[in-house]
Amino acid sequence: MLKFEEWLNAQQSRQDLIGDLARTLGKQSGAESVSRRKPDEHKNWADIVIKTARPDHVAVFNEAWQEFLLAREATKESLA
């Protein structure tokens, strides 16, 4: 299953706000504490964006997340 980190890394060459977000977060350490609870990928990434990115990146993250969900769904359908 496609993960947001993989999708976001692939967006780094984009010349738009999502590409800027991908480059900014790509410079950050990917090491986050691992919980025993089932991970909530959206919440984990939202927390990372809030902690490390510029305030205007929050809205960009929301847009990127929607694009990611569409890409993940398309990936699922192509595997079916």
Protein backbone atom coordinates (compact mmCIF):
# COMPACT_ATOMS: atom_id res chain seq x y z
CA MET A 1 0.00 0.00 0.00
CA LEU A 2 1.28 3.45 -0.90
CA LYS A 3 2.52 5.46 2.09
CA PHE A 4 2.34 9.25 2.32
CA GLU A 5 6.10 9.56 2.83
CA GLU A 6 6.78 7.69 -0.43
CA TRP A 7 4.22 9.76 -2.31
CA LEU A 8 5.50 13.03 -0.83
CA ASN A 9 9.14 12.24 -1.66
CA ALA A 10 8.10 11.69 -5.27
CA GLN A 11 6.59 15.20 -5.34
CA GLN A 12 9.86 17.04 -4.59
CA SER A 13 10.43 18.01 -8.23
CA ARG A 14 7.08 19.79 -8.48
CA GLN A 15 7.30 23.54 -8.92
CA ASP A 16 4.30 24.36 -6.76
CA LEU A 17 3.43 24.59 -3.07
CA ILE A 18 3.18 20.82 -2.67
CA GLY A 19 6.67 20.46 -4.12
CA ASP A 20 7.90 23.12 -1.69
CA LEU A 21 6.31 21.22 1.20
CA ALA A 22 7.86 17.96 0.00
CA ARG A 23 11.32 19.54 -0.17
CA THR A 24 10.91 21.15 3.26
CA LEU A 25 9.78 17.94 4.93
CA GLY A 26 12.35 15.92 3.00
CA LYS A 27 15.06 17.85 4.85
CA GLN A 28 13.58 16.87 8.20
CA SER A 29 14.51 13.72 10.05
CA GLY A 30 12.03 10.95 9.29
CA ALA A 31 12.55 9.47 12.75
CA GLU A 32 9.40 9.80 14.77
CA SER A 33 8.65 7.90 17.93
CA VAL A 34 6.93 4.61 17.29
CA SER A 35 3.82 3.83 19.27
CA ARG A 36 2.37 0.41 19.98
CA ARG A 37 -1.03 1.72 18.96
CA LYS A 38 -2.20 1.42 15.39
CA PRO A 39 -0.58 4.34 13.59
CA ASP A 40 -2.76 7.12 12.23
CA GLU A 41 -0.71 8.20 9.23
CA HIS A 42 -2.63 11.45 8.70
CA LYS A 43 -2.31 12.54 12.33
CA ASN A 44 1.39 11.64 12.44
CA TRP A 45 2.10 13.72 9.34
CA ALA A 46 -0.12 16.59 10.51
CA ASP A 47 1.90 16.69 13.74
CA ILE A 48 5.16 16.74 11.77
CA VAL A 49 3.91 19.58 9.55
CA ILE A 50 2.75 21.61 12.54
CA LYS A 51 6.09 21.13 14.33
CA THR A 52 8.51 21.63 11.45
CA ALA A 53 6.98 23.46 8.51
CA ARG A 54 5.87 27.02 7.99
CA PRO A 55 2.35 27.92 9.13
CA ASP A 56 1.18 28.27 5.51
CA HIS A 57 2.20 24.67 4.88
CA VAL A 58 -0.73 23.39 6.95
CA ALA A 59 -3.21 24.22 4.17
CA VAL A 60 -0.79 22.84 1.58
CA PHE A 61 -0.50 19.62 3.60
CA ASN A 62 -4.29 19.25 3.53
CA GLU A 63 -4.27 19.63 -0.26
CA ALA A 64 -1.36 17.19 -0.57
CA TRP A 65 -3.15 14.66 1.62
CA GLN A 66 -6.19 14.74 -0.68
CA GLU A 67 -3.98 14.18 -3.74
CA PHE A 68 -2.24 11.33 -1.91
CA LEU A 69 -5.57 9.65 -1.10
CA LEU A 70 -6.51 9.76 -4.79
CA ALA A 71 -3.13 8.30 -5.77
CA ARG A 72 -3.41 5.57 -3.14
CA GLU A 73 -6.90 4.65 -4.36
CA ALA A 74 -5.66 4.52 -7.95
CA THR A 75 -2.82 2.24 -6.85
CA LYS A 76 -5.26 -0.08 -5.08
CA GLU A 77 -7.48 -0.24 -8.17
CA SER A 78 -4.56 -1.03 -10.47
CA LEU A 79 -3.53 -3.93 -8.21
CA ALA A 80 -7.05 -5.38 -8.13
